[in-house]
Amino acid sequence: MERQSVFEERLEKETKKAIAKGFEQGIAQGMNQGILQGITQGIEQNRIEIAKKLLKLGLSIHEICEATSLSVEEVENLS
């Protein structure tokens, strides 16, 4: 009986450790994904702001597409 109790206690302890580790890994992964998504959105917003400035300077839509890698439709929607 004592052996069973020791085994159950150890199993419970190891299970709790595994859950805690999985939780920590999940949080870290979520944070990394959030950071990456924020960076991606920031880059996209920067491309749009540059395209707006280039439109004001009188560059053609084709030139703006070349400079920013935005599509013709995206640039046209800015004007």
PDB file of N, CA and C in Angstrom:
ATOM      1  N   MET A   1       0.819  -1.190   0.000  1.00  0.00           N
ATOM      2  CA  MET A   1       0.000   0.000   0.000  1.00  0.00           C
ATOM      3  C   MET A   1       0.866   1.259   0.000  1.00  0.00           C
ATOM      4  N   GLU A   2       1.933   1.229   0.793  1.00  0.00           N
ATOM      5  CA  GLU A   2       2.822   2.364   0.893  1.00  0.00           C
ATOM      6  C   GLU A   2       3.492   2.650  -0.454  1.00  0.00           C
ATOM      7  N   ARG A   3       3.851   1.597  -1.164  1.00  0.00           N
ATOM      8  CA  ARG A   3       4.481   1.737  -2.468  1.00  0.00           C
ATOM      9  C   ARG A   3       3.535   2.454  -3.443  1.00  0.00           C
ATOM     10  N   GLN A   4       2.280   2.073  -3.412  1.00  0.00           N
ATOM     11  CA  GLN A   4       1.260   2.682  -4.269  1.00  0.00           C
ATOM     12  C   GLN A   4       1.143   4.182  -3.966  1.00  0.00           C
ATOM     13  N   SER A   5       1.150   4.530  -2.698  1.00  0.00           N
ATOM     14  CA  SER A   5       1.021   5.916  -2.268  1.00  0.00           C
ATOM     15  C   SER A   5       2.206   6.748  -2.753  1.00  0.00           C
ATOM     16  N   VAL A   6       3.405   6.207  -2.618  1.00  0.00           N
ATOM     17  CA  VAL A   6       4.613   6.901  -3.077  1.00  0.00           C
ATOM     18  C   VAL A   6       4.551   7.104  -4.587  1.00  0.00           C
ATOM     19  N   PHE A   7       4.115   6.068  -5.295  1.00  0.00           N
ATOM     20  CA  PHE A   7       3.997   6.158  -6.746  1.00  0.00           C
ATOM     21  C   PHE A   7       2.983   7.227  -7.142  1.00  0.00           C
ATOM     22  N   GLU A   8       1.841   7.243  -6.494  1.00  0.00           N
ATOM     23  CA  GLU A   8       0.788   8.217  -6.806  1.00  0.00           C
ATOM     24  C   GLU A   8       1.249   9.637  -6.515  1.00  0.00           C
ATOM     25  N   GLU A   9       1.951   9.822  -5.408  1.00  0.00           N
ATOM     26  CA  GLU A   9       2.469  11.149  -5.068  1.00  0.00           C
ATOM     27  C   GLU A   9       3.473  11.624  -6.115  1.00  0.00           C
ATOM     28  N   ARG A  10       4.346  10.713  -6.510  1.00  0.00           N
ATOM     29  CA  ARG A  10       5.354  11.079  -7.514  1.00  0.00           C
ATOM     30  C   ARG A  10       4.692  11.382  -8.859  1.00  0.00           C
ATOM     31  N   LEU A  11       3.717  10.567  -9.220  1.00  0.00           N
ATOM     32  CA  LEU A  11       2.988  10.785 -10.462  1.00  0.00           C
ATOM     33  C   LEU A  11       2.292  12.139 -10.442  1.00  0.00           C
ATOM     34  N   GLU A  12       1.665  12.474  -9.359  1.00  0.00           N
ATOM     35  CA  GLU A  12       0.975  13.757  -9.230  1.00  0.00           C
ATOM     36  C   GLU A  12       1.969  14.913  -9.325  1.00  0.00           C
ATOM     37  N   LYS A  13       3.112  14.775  -8.655  1.00  0.00           N
ATOM     38  CA  LYS A  13       4.151  15.814  -8.672  1.00  0.00           C
ATOM     39  C   LYS A  13       4.681  16.025 -10.098  1.00  0.00           C
ATOM     40  N   GLU A  14       4.985  14.928 -10.780  1.00  0.00           N
ATOM     41  CA  GLU A  14       5.509  15.020 -12.143  1.00  0.00           C
ATOM     42  C   GLU A  14       4.462  15.578 -13.108  1.00  0.00           C
ATOM     43  N   THR A  15       3.208  15.221 -12.893  1.00  0.00           N
ATOM     44  CA  THR A  15       2.127  15.740 -13.732  1.00  0.00           C
ATOM     45  C   THR A  15       2.002  17.244 -13.562  1.00  0.00           C
ATOM     46  N   LYS A  16       2.062  17.710 -12.339  1.00  0.00           N
ATOM     47  CA  LYS A  16       1.995  19.149 -12.076  1.00  0.00           C
ATOM     48  C   LYS A  16       3.162  19.883 -12.714  1.00  0.00           C
ATOM     49  N   LYS A  17       4.359  19.289 -12.637  1.00  0.00           N
ATOM     50  CA  LYS A  17       5.544  19.883 -13.264  1.00  0.00           C
ATOM     51  C   LYS A  17       5.349  19.995 -14.780  1.00  0.00           C
ATOM     52  N   ALA A  18       4.848  18.926 -15.378  1.00  0.00           N
ATOM     53  CA  ALA A  18       4.648  18.902 -16.823  1.00  0.00           C
ATOM     54  C   ALA A  18       3.614  19.944 -17.247  1.00  0.00           C
ATOM     55  N   ILE A  19       2.558  20.064 -16.489  1.00  0.00           N
ATOM     56  CA  ILE A  19       1.523  21.059 -16.797  1.00  0.00           C
ATOM     57  C   ILE A  19       2.101  22.468 -16.681  1.00  0.00           C
ATOM     58  N   ALA A  20       2.861  22.721 -15.632  1.00  0.00           N
ATOM     59  CA  ALA A  20       3.464  24.039 -15.433  1.00  0.00           C
ATOM     60  C   ALA A  20       4.427  24.364 -16.574  1.00  0.00           C
ATOM     61  N   LYS A  21       5.228  23.379 -16.972  1.00  0.00           N
ATOM     62  CA  LYS A  21       6.174  23.592 -18.060  1.00  0.00           C
ATOM     63  C   LYS A  21       5.433  23.870 -19.368  1.00  0.00           C
ATOM     64  N   GLY A  22       4.383  23.116 -19.641  1.00  0.00           N
ATOM     65  CA  GLY A  22       3.586  23.337 -20.842  1.00  0.00           C
ATOM     66  C   GLY A  22       2.936  24.710 -20.841  1.00  0.00           C
ATOM     67  N   PHE A  23       2.469  25.123 -19.682  1.00  0.00           N
ATOM     68  CA  PHE A  23       1.861  26.446 -19.540  1.00  0.00           C
ATOM     69  C   PHE A  23       2.883  27.532 -19.840  1.00  0.00           C
ATOM     70  N   GLU A  24       4.077  27.420 -19.265  1.00  0.00           N
ATOM     71  CA  GLU A  24       5.143  28.404 -19.498  1.00  0.00           C
ATOM     72  C   GLU A  24       5.533  28.450 -20.974  1.00  0.00           C
ATOM     73  N   GLN A  25       5.641  27.277 -21.600  1.00  0.00           N
ATOM     74  CA  GLN A  25       5.989  27.236 -23.016  1.00  0.00           C
ATOM     75  C   GLN A  25       4.885  27.872 -23.867  1.00  0.00           C
ATOM     76  N   GLY A  26       3.646  27.637 -23.495  1.00  0.00           N
ATOM     77  CA  GLY A  26       2.517  28.230 -24.222  1.00  0.00           C
ATOM     78  C   GLY A  26       2.522  29.744 -24.118  1.00  0.00           C
ATOM     79  N   ILE A  27       2.816  30.254 -22.934  1.00  0.00           N
ATOM     80  CA  ILE A  27       2.886  31.715 -22.734  1.00  0.00           C
ATOM     81  C   ILE A  27       4.019  32.295 -23.578  1.00  0.00           C
ATOM     82  N   ALA A  28       5.185  31.657 -23.539  1.00  0.00           N
ATOM     83  CA  ALA A  28       6.332  32.148 -24.307  1.00  0.00           C
ATOM     84  C   ALA A  28       6.028  32.136 -25.796  1.00  0.00           C
ATOM     85  N   GLN A  29       5.406  31.069 -26.272  1.00  0.00           N
ATOM     86  CA  GLN A  29       5.071  30.982 -27.687  1.00  0.00           C
ATOM     87  C   GLN A  29       4.059  32.061 -28.059  1.00  0.00           C
ATOM     88  N   GLY A  30       3.072  32.283 -27.213  1.00  0.00           N
ATOM     89  CA  GLY A  30       2.078  33.317 -27.477  1.00  0.00           C
ATOM     90  C   GLY A  30       2.701  34.699 -27.522  1.00  0.00           C
ATOM     91  N   MET A  31       3.627  34.949 -26.617  1.00  0.00           N
ATOM     92  CA  MET A  31       4.307  36.253 -26.607  1.00  0.00           C
ATOM     93  C   MET A  31       5.122  36.437 -27.880  1.00  0.00           C
ATOM     94  N   ASN A  32       5.841  35.400 -28.282  1.00  0.00           N
ATOM     95  CA  ASN A  32       6.636  35.489 -29.509  1.00  0.00           C
ATOM     96  C   ASN A  32       5.757  35.734 -30.726  1.00  0.00           C
ATOM     97  N   GLN A  33       4.631  35.051 -30.803  1.00  0.00           N
ATOM     98  CA  GLN A  33       3.713  35.247 -31.924  1.00  0.00           C
ATOM     99  C   GLN A  33       3.142  36.661 -31.912  1.00  0.00           C
ATOM    100  N   GLY A  34       2.832  37.172 -30.727  1.00  0.00           N
ATOM    101  CA  GLY A  34       2.312  38.532 -30.612  1.00  0.00           C
ATOM    102  C   GLY A  34       3.333  39.562 -31.054  1.00  0.00           C
ATOM    103  N   ILE A  35       4.570  39.365 -30.643  1.00  0.00           N
ATOM    104  CA  ILE A  35       5.639  40.282 -31.046  1.00  0.00           C
ATOM    105  C   ILE A  35       5.818  40.254 -32.553  1.00  0.00           C
ATOM    106  N   LEU A  36       5.858  39.060 -33.127  1.00  0.00           N
ATOM    107  CA  LEU A  36       6.020  38.928 -34.574  1.00  0.00           C
ATOM    108  C   LEU A  36       4.861  39.590 -35.314  1.00  0.00           C
ATOM    109  N   GLN A  37       3.652  39.393 -34.826  1.00  0.00           N
ATOM    110  CA  GLN A  37       2.483  40.001 -35.465  1.00  0.00           C
ATOM    111  C   GLN A  37       2.566  41.529 -35.376  1.00  0.00           C
ATOM    112  N   GLY A  38       2.998  42.046 -34.242  1.00  0.00           N
ATOM    113  CA  GLY A  38       3.142  43.494 -34.077  1.00  0.00           C
ATOM    114  C   GLY A  38       4.184  44.072 -35.027  1.00  0.00           C
ATOM    115  N   ILE A  39       5.283  43.379 -35.171  1.00  0.00           N
ATOM    116  CA  ILE A  39       6.331  43.834 -36.091  1.00  0.00           C
ATOM    117  C   ILE A  39       5.807  43.837 -37.519  1.00  0.00           C
ATOM    118  N   THR A  40       5.113  42.776 -37.895  1.00  0.00           N
ATOM    119  CA  THR A  40       4.563  42.671 -39.254  1.00  0.00           C
ATOM    120  C   THR A  40       3.575  43.801 -39.527  1.00  0.00           C
ATOM    121  N   GLN A  41       2.702  44.074 -38.569  1.00  0.00           N
ATOM    122  CA  GLN A  41       1.735  45.156 -38.739  1.00  0.00           C
ATOM    123  C   GLN A  41       2.434  46.508 -38.831  1.00  0.00           C
ATOM    124  N   GLY A  42       3.483  46.699 -38.039  1.00  0.00           N
ATOM    125  CA  GLY A  42       4.234  47.946 -38.079  1.00  0.00           C
ATOM    126  C   GLY A  42       4.906  48.165 -39.425  1.00  0.00           C
ATOM    127  N   ILE A  43       5.466  47.112 -39.986  1.00  0.00           N
ATOM    128  CA  ILE A  43       6.110  47.214 -41.296  1.00  0.00           C
ATOM    129  C   ILE A  43       5.077  47.566 -42.359  1.00  0.00           C
ATOM    130  N   GLU A  44       3.922  46.915 -42.304  1.00  0.00           N
ATOM    131  CA  GLU A  44       2.857  47.187 -43.278  1.00  0.00           C
ATOM    132  C   GLU A  44       2.375  48.633 -43.159  1.00  0.00           C
ATOM    133  N   GLN A  45       2.196  49.102 -41.945  1.00  0.00           N
ATOM    134  CA  GLN A  45       1.750  50.481 -41.738  1.00  0.00           C
ATOM    135  C   GLN A  45       2.787  51.463 -42.259  1.00  0.00           C
ATOM    136  N   ASN A  46       4.055  51.148 -42.083  1.00  0.00           N
ATOM    137  CA  ASN A  46       5.126  52.004 -42.585  1.00  0.00           C
ATOM    138  C   ASN A  46       5.105  52.071 -44.116  1.00  0.00           C
ATOM    139  N   ARG A  47       4.871  50.931 -44.752  1.00  0.00           N
ATOM    140  CA  ARG A  47       4.790  50.921 -46.219  1.00  0.00           C
ATOM    141  C   ARG A  47       3.644  51.802 -46.698  1.00  0.00           C
ATOM    142  N   ILE A  48       2.532  51.765 -45.999  1.00  0.00           N
ATOM    143  CA  ILE A  48       1.375  52.582 -46.372  1.00  0.00           C
ATOM    144  C   ILE A  48       1.674  54.069 -46.182  1.00  0.00           C
ATOM    145  N   GLU A  49       2.313  54.414 -45.072  1.00  0.00           N
ATOM    146  CA  GLU A  49       2.661  55.820 -44.820  1.00  0.00           C
ATOM    147  C   GLU A  49       3.635  56.343 -45.876  1.00  0.00           C
ATOM    148  N   ILE A  50       4.596  55.534 -46.248  1.00  0.00           N
ATOM    149  CA  ILE A  50       5.546  55.934 -47.296  1.00  0.00           C
ATOM    150  C   ILE A  50       4.810  56.130 -48.615  1.00  0.00           C
ATOM    151  N   ALA A  51       3.901  55.214 -48.944  1.00  0.00           N
ATOM    152  CA  ALA A  51       3.131  55.338 -50.192  1.00  0.00           C
ATOM    153  C   ALA A  51       2.325  56.627 -50.206  1.00  0.00           C
ATOM    154  N   LYS A  52       1.719  56.991 -49.077  1.00  0.00           N
ATOM    155  CA  LYS A  52       0.955  58.244 -48.996  1.00  0.00           C
ATOM    156  C   LYS A  52       1.848  59.443 -49.265  1.00  0.00           C
ATOM    157  N   LYS A  53       3.037  59.434 -48.695  1.00  0.00           N
ATOM    158  CA  LYS A  53       3.982  60.542 -48.906  1.00  0.00           C
ATOM    159  C   LYS A  53       4.418  60.611 -50.369  1.00  0.00           C
ATOM    160  N   LEU A  54       4.654  59.447 -50.957  1.00  0.00           N
ATOM    161  CA  LEU A  54       5.074  59.421 -52.352  1.00  0.00           C
ATOM    162  C   LEU A  54       3.957  59.913 -53.277  1.00  0.00           C
ATOM    163  N   LEU A  55       2.711  59.609 -52.931  1.00  0.00           N
ATOM    164  CA  LEU A  55       1.575  60.132 -53.701  1.00  0.00           C
ATOM    165  C   LEU A  55       1.551  61.658 -53.641  1.00  0.00           C
ATOM    166  N   LYS A  56       1.773  62.203 -52.447  1.00  0.00           N
ATOM    167  CA  LYS A  56       1.790  63.660 -52.286  1.00  0.00           C
ATOM    168  C   LYS A  56       2.917  64.304 -53.081  1.00  0.00           C
ATOM    169  N   LEU A  57       4.010  63.566 -53.226  1.00  0.00           N
ATOM    170  CA  LEU A  57       5.142  64.083 -53.999  1.00  0.00           C
ATOM    171  C   LEU A  57       4.920  63.971 -55.507  1.00  0.00           C
ATOM    172  N   GLY A  58       3.842  63.290 -55.904  1.00  0.00           N
ATOM    173  CA  GLY A  58       3.496  63.210 -57.312  1.00  0.00           C
ATOM    174  C   GLY A  58       4.053  62.013 -58.056  1.00  0.00           C
ATOM    175  N   LEU A  59       4.565  61.035 -57.366  1.00  0.00           N
ATOM    176  CA  LEU A  59       5.057  59.844 -58.057  1.00  0.00           C
ATOM    177  C   LEU A  59       3.884  59.065 -58.626  1.00  0.00           C
ATOM    178  N   SER A  60       4.150  58.323 -59.677  1.00  0.00           N
ATOM    179  CA  SER A  60       3.096  57.519 -60.302  1.00  0.00           C
ATOM    180  C   SER A  60       2.788  56.304 -59.423  1.00  0.00           C
ATOM    181  N   ILE A  61       1.611  55.756 -59.647  1.00  0.00           N
ATOM    182  CA  ILE A  61       1.213  54.565 -58.900  1.00  0.00           C
ATOM    183  C   ILE A  61       2.201  53.435 -59.148  1.00  0.00           C
ATOM    184  N   HIS A  62       2.650  53.297 -60.389  1.00  0.00           N
ATOM    185  CA  HIS A  62       3.615  52.242 -60.716  1.00  0.00           C
ATOM    186  C   HIS A  62       4.907  52.433 -59.917  1.00  0.00           C
ATOM    187  N   GLU A  63       5.405  53.657 -59.843  1.00  0.00           N
ATOM    188  CA  GLU A  63       6.642  53.918 -59.090  1.00  0.00           C
ATOM    189  C   GLU A  63       6.445  53.621 -57.599  1.00  0.00           C
ATOM    190  N   ILE A  64       5.288  53.979 -57.085  1.00  0.00           N
ATOM    191  CA  ILE A  64       5.012  53.740 -55.665  1.00  0.00           C
ATOM    192  C   ILE A  64       4.929  52.240 -55.386  1.00  0.00           C
ATOM    193  N   CYS A  65       4.307  51.515 -56.299  1.00  0.00           N
ATOM    194  CA  CYS A  65       4.241  50.052 -56.147  1.00  0.00           C
ATOM    195  C   CYS A  65       5.638  49.450 -56.145  1.00  0.00           C
ATOM    196  N   GLU A  66       6.473  49.934 -57.020  1.00  0.00           N
ATOM    197  CA  GLU A  66       7.859  49.445 -57.079  1.00  0.00           C
ATOM    198  C   GLU A  66       8.606  49.758 -55.786  1.00  0.00           C
ATOM    199  N   ALA A  67       8.396  50.955 -55.251  1.00  0.00           N
ATOM    200  CA  ALA A  67       9.134  51.388 -54.065  1.00  0.00           C
ATOM    201  C   ALA A  67       8.649  50.716 -52.785  1.00  0.00           C
ATOM    202  N   THR A  68       7.355  50.410 -52.696  1.00  0.00           N
ATOM    203  CA  THR A  68       6.780  49.926 -51.441  1.00  0.00           C
ATOM    204  C   THR A  68       6.364  48.462 -51.455  1.00  0.00           C
ATOM    205  N   SER A  69       6.322  47.863 -52.623  1.00  0.00           N
ATOM    206  CA  SER A  69       5.833  46.490 -52.812  1.00  0.00           C
ATOM    207  C   SER A  69       4.337  46.357 -52.510  1.00  0.00           C
ATOM    208  N   LEU A  70       3.625  47.480 -52.486  1.00  0.00           N
ATOM    209  CA  LEU A  70       2.170  47.434 -52.369  1.00  0.00           C
ATOM    210  C   LEU A  70       1.588  47.142 -53.745  1.00  0.00           C
ATOM    211  N   SER A  71       0.378  46.611 -53.766  1.00  0.00           N
ATOM    212  CA  SER A  71      -0.282  46.349 -55.047  1.00  0.00           C
ATOM    213  C   SER A  71      -0.854  47.655 -55.595  1.00  0.00           C
ATOM    214  N   VAL A  72      -1.172  47.645 -56.886  1.00  0.00           N
ATOM    215  CA  VAL A  72      -1.787  48.803 -57.529  1.00  0.00           C
ATOM    216  C   VAL A  72      -3.082  49.152 -56.798  1.00  0.00           C
ATOM    217  N   GLU A  73      -3.871  48.157 -56.486  1.00  0.00           N
ATOM    218  CA  GLU A  73      -5.145  48.378 -55.797  1.00  0.00           C
ATOM    219  C   GLU A  73      -4.927  49.028 -54.425  1.00  0.00           C
ATOM    220  N   GLU A  74      -3.929  48.562 -53.691  1.00  0.00           N
ATOM    221  CA  GLU A  74      -3.664  49.144 -52.370  1.00  0.00           C
ATOM    222  C   GLU A  74      -3.280  50.615 -52.482  1.00  0.00           C
ATOM    223  N   VAL A  75      -2.462  50.938 -53.475  1.00  0.00           N
ATOM    224  CA  VAL A  75      -2.035  52.328 -53.656  1.00  0.00           C
ATOM    225  C   VAL A  75      -3.210  53.177 -54.130  1.00  0.00           C
ATOM    226  N   GLU A  76      -3.990  52.648 -55.051  1.00  0.00           N
ATOM    227  CA  GLU A  76      -5.155  53.401 -55.538  1.00  0.00           C
ATOM    228  C   GLU A  76      -6.131  53.705 -54.407  1.00  0.00           C
ATOM    229  N   ASN A  77      -6.277  52.799 -53.475  1.00  0.00           N
ATOM    230  CA  ASN A  77      -7.179  53.000 -52.341  1.00  0.00           C
ATOM    231  C   ASN A  77      -6.690  54.089 -51.373  1.00  0.00           C
ATOM    232  N   LEU A  78      -5.423  54.454 -51.470  1.00  0.00           N
ATOM    233  CA  LEU A  78      -4.866  55.485 -50.608  1.00  0.00           C
ATOM    234  C   LEU A  78      -5.176  56.886 -51.126  1.00  0.00           C
ATOM    235  N   SER A  79      -5.389  56.997 -52.440  1.00  0.00           N
ATOM    236  CA  SER A  79      -5.600  58.330 -53.014  1.00  0.00           C
ATOM    237  C   SER A  79      -7.040  58.740 -53.026  1.00  0.00           C
TER     238      SER A  79
END
